[in-house]
Amino acid sequence: MSLRFVVATTLSFVMAFTPCVSLAQKAASDTKTLERNIRAELGFLASDAMQGRGSGSGYERLAAEYIGSQFRQFGLEPGGDTATTGQQSFVQRAVLSATVTWNAVGLLRGSDPTAAKEAIILSAHLDHLGTTENAAPGTDAIFNGADDDASGCVAVLELARALASGKRPKRTIYFICFGSEERGGYGAQYFVAHSPIALEQIVADVTFEMLGRPDSKVPANTLWLTGYERSTLGPELAKHGALLVADPHPQQNFFQRSDNYTLALRGVVAHTVSSFGLHTDYHRPSDDVSKIDFGFMTRAIASLIKPIRWLADSSFKPAWLPGKMPTRG
């Protein structure tokens, strides 16, 4: 059975059970609707049927196709590969040396002729660890990656849904779910090397990583930002309503451990939003949908909509603080 057939058949099934959103629902801010969408999207991405979305696997590609289908439903423009027919896709095939991976890319073009030349990136990674052949009989062999990082992909999806449903922002927004982060950040590296926009025109990248559970190290309903002390981005977003604080786990070096770092090394102000409280399901088959706190996740994503919209409509350009921009060692 070909991968193309599997992709087409699975996506047909998914679309049949994906919540259809009317104009009235798009305009609504009902958190019950938001939570229902979050449950549906995360339930698919982290299901056993996706076999752990292993980096560079057919299931990773299927995740990219699914996310692209959602971007299309929300009315985004495709930002992936262009076929020989001239039709552009939401999926980008990324090739680095012998590595092949897939990104899902959609964009919301800015409404202001001048401001639209600048872009904000909202990103996550769609891959995880796949399956293990070493599981004992009767034990779970699938690394579902519900928190890591299906939750981040869902944040990107729901921010795309919300931002595309209202008045178009002045700046352009790219919504990207990168492939092969777990293998070394290959999807992000490829995108940066083939960026459709000059890197100096990227105002900021906000990466979303592991938002599925609250972190007891910070106040309730609060998220944290890696490298908060490195730039003006976090404090300014917090000033405009984002429930963001500094990373309470600096010893973990999370700033350097996600796709934001690929962009940060090229000068782009790029940070990761998270609520990872160092739970013991990290990179284990037990990172399942059953462990997700959907109430928390819904509130967390909803709290970011207005601050991100403000950033996309403003003239504010975050900057690295003196001596804080990362460089290759």
Protein backbone atom coordinates (compact mmCIF):
# COMPACT_ATOMS: atom_id res chain seq x y z
CA MET A 1 0.00 0.00 0.00
CA SER A 2 1.54 3.33 -1.04
CA LEU A 3 2.15 6.21 1.37
CA ARG A 4 0.09 8.45 -0.93
CA PHE A 5 -2.91 6.12 -0.50
CA VAL A 6 -2.42 6.02 3.29
CA VAL A 7 -2.19 9.82 3.45
CA ALA A 8 -5.31 10.31 1.32
CA THR A 9 -7.35 7.69 3.15
CA THR A 10 -6.34 8.86 6.62
CA LEU A 11 -6.93 12.52 5.86
CA SER A 12 -10.37 11.71 4.46
CA PHE A 13 -11.18 9.98 7.73
CA VAL A 14 -9.74 12.85 9.78
CA MET A 15 -11.65 15.52 7.90
CA ALA A 16 -14.87 13.62 8.45
CA PHE A 17 -14.38 13.91 12.18
CA THR A 18 -12.70 17.31 12.35
CA PRO A 19 -15.03 19.97 13.79
CA CYS A 20 -16.50 22.13 11.02
CA VAL A 21 -16.36 25.77 11.97
CA SER A 22 -19.02 28.19 10.79
CA LEU A 23 -18.48 31.93 10.57
CA ALA A 24 -20.45 32.33 13.77
CA GLN A 25 -18.24 29.84 15.57
CA LYS A 26 -15.10 31.52 14.27
CA ALA A 27 -16.25 34.81 15.72
CA ALA A 28 -17.07 33.24 19.08
CA SER A 29 -14.61 33.26 21.95
CA ASP A 30 -16.32 30.38 23.75
CA THR A 31 -13.61 28.36 25.48
CA LYS A 32 -15.73 25.21 25.16
CA THR A 33 -15.41 25.48 21.39
CA LEU A 34 -11.67 26.08 21.71
CA GLU A 35 -11.22 23.08 23.98
CA ARG A 36 -13.24 20.86 21.64
CA ASN A 37 -10.93 21.80 18.77
CA ILE A 38 -7.84 21.25 20.89
CA ARG A 39 -9.03 17.80 21.92
CA ALA A 40 -9.76 16.83 18.31
CA GLU A 41 -6.42 18.03 16.93
CA LEU A 42 -4.25 16.68 19.71
CA GLY A 43 -6.24 13.45 19.79
CA PHE A 44 -5.31 12.80 16.17
CA LEU A 45 -1.67 13.88 16.27
CA ALA A 46 -0.90 11.87 19.41
CA SER A 47 -3.03 8.84 18.57
CA ASP A 48 -1.57 5.34 18.33
CA ALA A 49 -2.50 5.41 14.63
CA MET A 50 0.26 8.02 14.10
CA GLN A 51 2.89 5.61 15.46
CA GLY A 52 4.79 8.32 17.31
CA ARG A 53 5.37 10.60 14.28
CA GLY A 54 8.99 9.47 14.01
CA SER A 55 11.40 12.02 12.52
CA GLY A 56 11.55 11.68 8.76
CA SER A 57 8.99 8.86 8.70
CA GLY A 58 5.84 8.52 6.64
CA TYR A 59 3.88 9.27 9.81
CA GLU A 60 5.75 12.54 10.23
CA ARG A 61 4.72 13.39 6.68
CA LEU A 62 1.14 12.43 7.48
CA ALA A 63 1.23 14.83 10.45
CA ALA A 64 2.45 17.58 8.10
CA GLU A 65 -0.35 16.80 5.63
CA TYR A 66 -2.94 16.90 8.41
CA ILE A 67 -1.68 20.22 9.75
CA GLY A 68 -1.61 21.59 6.21
CA SER A 69 -5.23 20.52 5.72
CA GLN A 70 -6.15 22.48 8.84
CA PHE A 71 -4.26 25.53 7.60
CA ARG A 72 -6.26 25.31 4.38
CA GLN A 73 -9.52 25.10 6.33
CA PHE A 74 -8.59 28.25 8.26
CA GLY A 75 -8.00 30.18 5.03
CA LEU A 76 -4.21 30.51 5.18
CA GLU A 77 -2.05 30.78 2.08
CA PRO A 78 0.17 27.76 1.39
CA GLY A 79 3.88 28.21 2.03
CA GLY A 80 5.22 24.81 1.06
CA ASP A 81 6.48 23.27 -2.16
CA THR A 82 5.27 24.26 -5.61
CA ALA A 83 4.31 21.40 -7.94
CA THR A 84 5.16 21.29 -11.64
CA THR A 85 1.57 22.43 -12.25
CA GLY A 86 2.36 25.65 -10.39
CA GLN A 87 0.08 24.81 -7.47
CA GLN A 88 1.63 25.45 -4.08
CA SER A 89 1.23 23.06 -1.16
CA PHE A 90 1.17 23.54 2.59
CA VAL A 91 3.82 20.83 2.93
CA GLN A 92 7.51 21.46 2.39
CA ARG A 93 9.83 18.53 1.66
CA ALA A 94 13.09 19.36 3.38
CA VAL A 95 16.27 17.64 2.30
CA LEU A 96 19.52 18.06 4.23
CA SER A 97 22.33 15.77 3.10
CA ALA A 98 20.83 12.28 3.33
CA THR A 99 18.01 13.39 5.62
CA VAL A 100 14.48 13.96 4.34
CA THR A 101 11.85 15.52 6.57
CA TRP A 102 8.61 17.47 6.17
CA ASN A 103 7.46 20.88 7.37
CA ALA A 104 3.91 22.27 7.32
CA VAL A 105 3.88 25.96 6.34
CA GLY A 106 0.97 28.37 6.09
CA LEU A 107 0.87 32.15 6.11
CA LEU A 108 -1.51 34.96 6.81
CA ARG A 109 -0.45 37.82 4.58
CA GLY A 110 -0.33 41.20 6.29
CA SER A 111 -2.91 43.83 5.38
CA ASP A 112 -0.62 46.84 5.45
CA PRO A 113 1.52 47.23 2.29
CA THR A 114 4.56 48.32 4.28
CA ALA A 115 4.16 46.29 7.48
CA ALA A 116 3.35 43.13 5.49
CA LYS A 117 6.98 43.01 4.37
CA GLU A 118 7.81 42.08 7.96
CA ALA A 119 6.91 38.69 9.38
CA ILE A 120 6.30 36.96 12.67
CA ILE A 121 6.82 33.20 12.89
CA LEU A 122 4.71 31.01 15.18
CA SER A 123 6.21 27.52 15.24
CA ALA A 124 6.35 24.09 16.83
CA HIS A 125 7.73 20.69 15.84
CA LEU A 126 5.49 17.96 14.49
CA ASP A 127 7.78 14.95 14.89
CA HIS A 128 8.47 12.75 17.88
CA LEU A 129 10.34 9.52 18.60
CA GLY A 130 8.27 6.96 16.71
CA THR A 131 8.20 3.45 18.17
CA THR A 132 10.63 1.15 19.91
CA GLU A 133 11.39 -2.45 19.00
CA ASN A 134 12.70 -3.13 22.48
CA ALA A 135 9.43 -2.91 24.41
CA ALA A 136 8.64 -5.89 26.60
CA PRO A 137 5.66 -7.96 25.46
CA GLY A 138 2.40 -6.34 26.50
CA THR A 139 3.95 -2.91 27.13
CA ASP A 140 3.49 0.32 25.19
CA ALA A 141 5.92 0.66 22.27
CA ILE A 142 4.59 3.95 20.85
CA PHE A 143 6.07 7.31 21.82
CA ASN A 144 2.89 9.32 21.24
CA GLY A 145 4.43 12.67 22.16
CA ALA A 146 1.16 14.23 23.31
CA ASP A 147 2.93 16.97 25.26
CA ASP A 148 6.13 16.82 23.19
CA ASP A 149 5.15 18.37 20.87
CA ALA A 150 1.64 17.67 19.67
CA SER A 151 0.59 20.30 22.22
CA GLY A 152 2.81 22.91 20.55
CA CYS A 153 1.44 22.06 17.11
CA VAL A 154 -2.09 22.48 18.44
CA ALA A 155 -1.12 25.89 19.84
CA VAL A 156 0.07 26.92 16.37
CA LEU A 157 -3.13 25.57 14.82
CA GLU A 158 -5.45 27.34 17.24
CA LEU A 159 -3.57 30.63 16.97
CA ALA A 160 -3.86 30.30 13.18
CA ARG A 161 -7.59 29.66 13.51
CA ALA A 162 -8.09 32.66 15.79
CA LEU A 163 -5.89 35.14 13.92
CA ALA A 164 -7.27 34.19 10.50
CA SER A 165 -10.87 34.54 11.65
CA GLY A 166 -10.72 38.24 12.49
CA LYS A 167 -9.37 41.37 10.86
CA ARG A 168 -6.13 40.59 9.03
CA PRO A 169 -3.08 41.77 11.00
CA LYS A 170 -0.80 44.40 9.52
CA ARG A 171 2.28 42.19 9.56
CA THR A 172 2.53 38.82 7.84
CA ILE A 173 2.43 35.76 10.09
CA TYR A 174 4.00 32.42 9.19
CA PHE A 175 2.58 29.38 10.95
CA ILE A 176 5.11 26.54 10.75
CA CYS A 177 5.33 23.06 12.20
CA PHE A 178 8.86 21.79 11.64
CA GLY A 179 9.92 18.22 11.05
CA SER A 180 12.83 16.30 12.60
CA GLU A 181 13.40 18.54 15.62
CA GLU A 182 14.04 15.42 17.66
CA ARG A 183 16.73 14.28 15.24
CA GLY A 184 18.59 17.59 15.23
CA GLY A 185 16.33 20.41 14.10
CA TYR A 186 16.59 19.59 10.41
CA GLY A 187 13.21 21.00 9.39
CA ALA A 188 13.97 24.37 10.95
CA GLN A 189 17.46 24.41 9.46
CA TYR A 190 16.07 23.78 6.00
CA PHE A 191 13.43 26.49 6.32
CA VAL A 192 15.99 29.05 7.48
CA ALA A 193 18.35 28.12 4.63
CA HIS A 194 15.49 28.53 2.12
CA SER A 195 13.54 31.27 3.88
CA PRO A 196 10.90 32.92 1.67
CA ILE A 197 11.54 36.16 3.52
CA ALA A 198 14.84 37.86 4.33
CA LEU A 199 15.87 36.94 7.87
CA GLU A 200 16.26 40.59 8.82
CA GLN A 201 12.56 41.05 8.00
CA ILE A 202 11.53 38.43 10.55
CA VAL A 203 10.44 40.46 13.58
CA ALA A 204 10.33 37.47 15.94
CA ASP A 205 9.86 33.74 16.18
CA VAL A 206 7.73 32.33 18.98
CA THR A 207 8.12 28.56 19.27
CA PHE A 208 5.62 26.49 21.25
CA GLU A 209 6.93 23.42 23.04
CA MET A 210 5.14 21.28 25.62
CA LEU A 211 2.10 23.28 26.74
CA GLY A 212 -0.03 20.33 27.78
CA ARG A 213 0.45 20.45 31.54
CA PRO A 214 0.98 23.23 34.10
CA ASP A 215 4.35 23.77 35.74
CA SER A 216 4.17 23.96 39.53
CA LYS A 217 7.27 26.17 39.54
CA VAL A 218 5.28 29.15 38.22
CA PRO A 219 1.91 30.70 39.22
CA ALA A 220 -1.28 28.96 38.12
CA ASN A 221 -2.30 29.39 34.47
CA THR A 222 1.13 30.85 33.67
CA LEU A 223 3.52 29.97 30.85
CA TRP A 224 7.24 30.60 30.76
CA LEU A 225 9.54 31.84 28.04
CA THR A 226 13.02 30.50 27.41
CA GLY A 227 15.68 33.20 27.33
CA TYR A 228 13.25 35.73 28.81
CA GLU A 229 16.18 37.80 30.06
CA ARG A 230 17.90 37.87 26.66
CA SER A 231 15.60 40.19 24.71
CA THR A 232 12.79 42.71 24.97
CA LEU A 233 10.18 40.31 23.52
CA GLY A 234 8.97 38.51 26.66
CA PRO A 235 8.53 41.57 28.87
CA GLU A 236 6.69 43.42 26.10
CA LEU A 237 4.31 40.53 25.44
CA ALA A 238 3.69 40.28 29.19
CA LYS A 239 2.94 44.00 29.29
CA HIS A 240 0.23 43.39 26.70
CA GLY A 241 -1.45 40.58 28.58
CA ALA A 242 0.57 37.43 27.92
CA LEU A 243 0.81 35.32 31.07
CA LEU A 244 4.54 34.83 30.60
CA VAL A 245 7.35 34.69 33.12
CA ALA A 246 11.02 33.74 32.95
CA ASP A 247 12.00 30.08 32.54
CA PRO A 248 12.17 28.60 36.07
CA HIS A 249 14.56 25.85 34.93
CA PRO A 250 17.65 27.73 33.66
CA GLN A 251 19.90 24.76 34.49
CA GLN A 252 18.12 22.78 31.75
CA ASN A 253 19.28 25.16 28.98
CA PHE A 254 15.88 24.98 27.27
CA PHE A 255 16.62 28.11 25.23
CA GLN A 256 19.13 26.07 23.21
CA ARG A 257 16.99 22.91 23.01
CA SER A 258 14.23 23.78 20.55
CA ASP A 259 13.83 25.08 17.00
CA ASN A 260 13.87 28.69 18.15
CA TYR A 261 17.63 28.35 18.59
CA THR A 262 18.20 27.75 14.88
CA LEU A 263 16.67 31.16 14.14
CA ALA A 264 18.28 32.83 17.15
CA LEU A 265 21.75 31.84 15.92
CA ARG A 266 20.95 33.76 12.71
CA GLY A 267 20.06 36.89 14.66
CA VAL A 268 16.28 36.50 14.75
CA VAL A 269 14.76 37.25 18.16
CA ALA A 270 13.42 33.76 18.85
CA HIS A 271 12.20 32.16 22.05
CA THR A 272 10.14 29.17 23.17
CA VAL A 273 6.90 29.32 25.16
CA SER A 274 6.39 26.31 27.41
CA SER A 275 4.95 24.99 30.66
CA PHE A 276 7.09 21.86 30.91
CA GLY A 277 7.46 21.04 34.59
CA LEU A 278 10.07 18.30 34.09
CA HIS A 279 7.45 15.55 34.30
CA THR A 280 8.76 11.99 34.13
CA ASP A 281 6.85 11.11 30.94
CA TYR A 282 9.32 13.15 28.86
CA HIS A 283 10.54 11.04 25.91
CA ARG A 284 8.68 7.99 27.18
CA PRO A 285 5.71 6.07 25.76
CA SER A 286 3.69 7.34 28.72
CA ASP A 287 3.50 10.85 27.19
CA ASP A 288 -0.11 10.14 26.23
CA VAL A 289 -3.25 12.18 25.58
CA SER A 290 -4.64 10.93 28.90
CA LYS A 291 -2.00 13.02 30.72
CA ILE A 292 -2.96 16.32 29.04
CA ASP A 293 -4.66 18.99 31.15
CA PHE A 294 -7.03 20.30 28.48
CA GLY A 295 -8.48 23.02 30.70
CA PHE A 296 -5.04 24.46 31.36
CA MET A 297 -4.00 24.11 27.73
CA THR A 298 -7.14 25.87 26.53
CA ARG A 299 -6.63 28.80 28.89
CA ALA A 300 -2.93 29.00 27.99
CA ILE A 301 -3.55 29.22 24.24
CA ALA A 302 -6.47 31.65 24.65
CA SER A 303 -4.27 33.96 26.76
CA LEU A 304 -1.81 34.38 23.90
CA ILE A 305 -4.22 35.42 21.14
CA LYS A 306 -4.50 39.12 22.02
CA PRO A 307 -0.75 39.65 22.73
CA ILE A 308 0.23 37.97 19.46
CA ARG A 309 -2.36 39.99 17.57
CA TRP A 310 -0.96 43.13 19.18
CA LEU A 311 2.57 42.19 18.06
CA ALA A 312 1.33 41.58 14.51
CA ASP A 313 -0.44 44.96 14.40
CA SER A 314 2.23 47.05 16.12
CA SER A 315 5.45 48.66 14.96
CA PHE A 316 7.34 47.19 17.93
CA LYS A 317 10.52 45.34 16.98
CA PRO A 318 11.99 43.22 19.77
CA ALA A 319 15.75 43.34 20.15
CA TRP A 320 18.45 41.33 21.84
CA LEU A 321 19.77 42.94 25.00
CA PRO A 322 23.49 43.81 24.99
CA GLY A 323 25.62 40.69 24.94
CA LYS A 324 22.60 38.36 25.01
CA MET A 325 22.29 37.37 21.36
CA PRO A 326 23.48 33.74 21.06
CA THR A 327 26.47 32.92 18.91
CA ARG A 328 28.00 29.67 17.79
CA GLY A 329 30.58 28.58 20.32
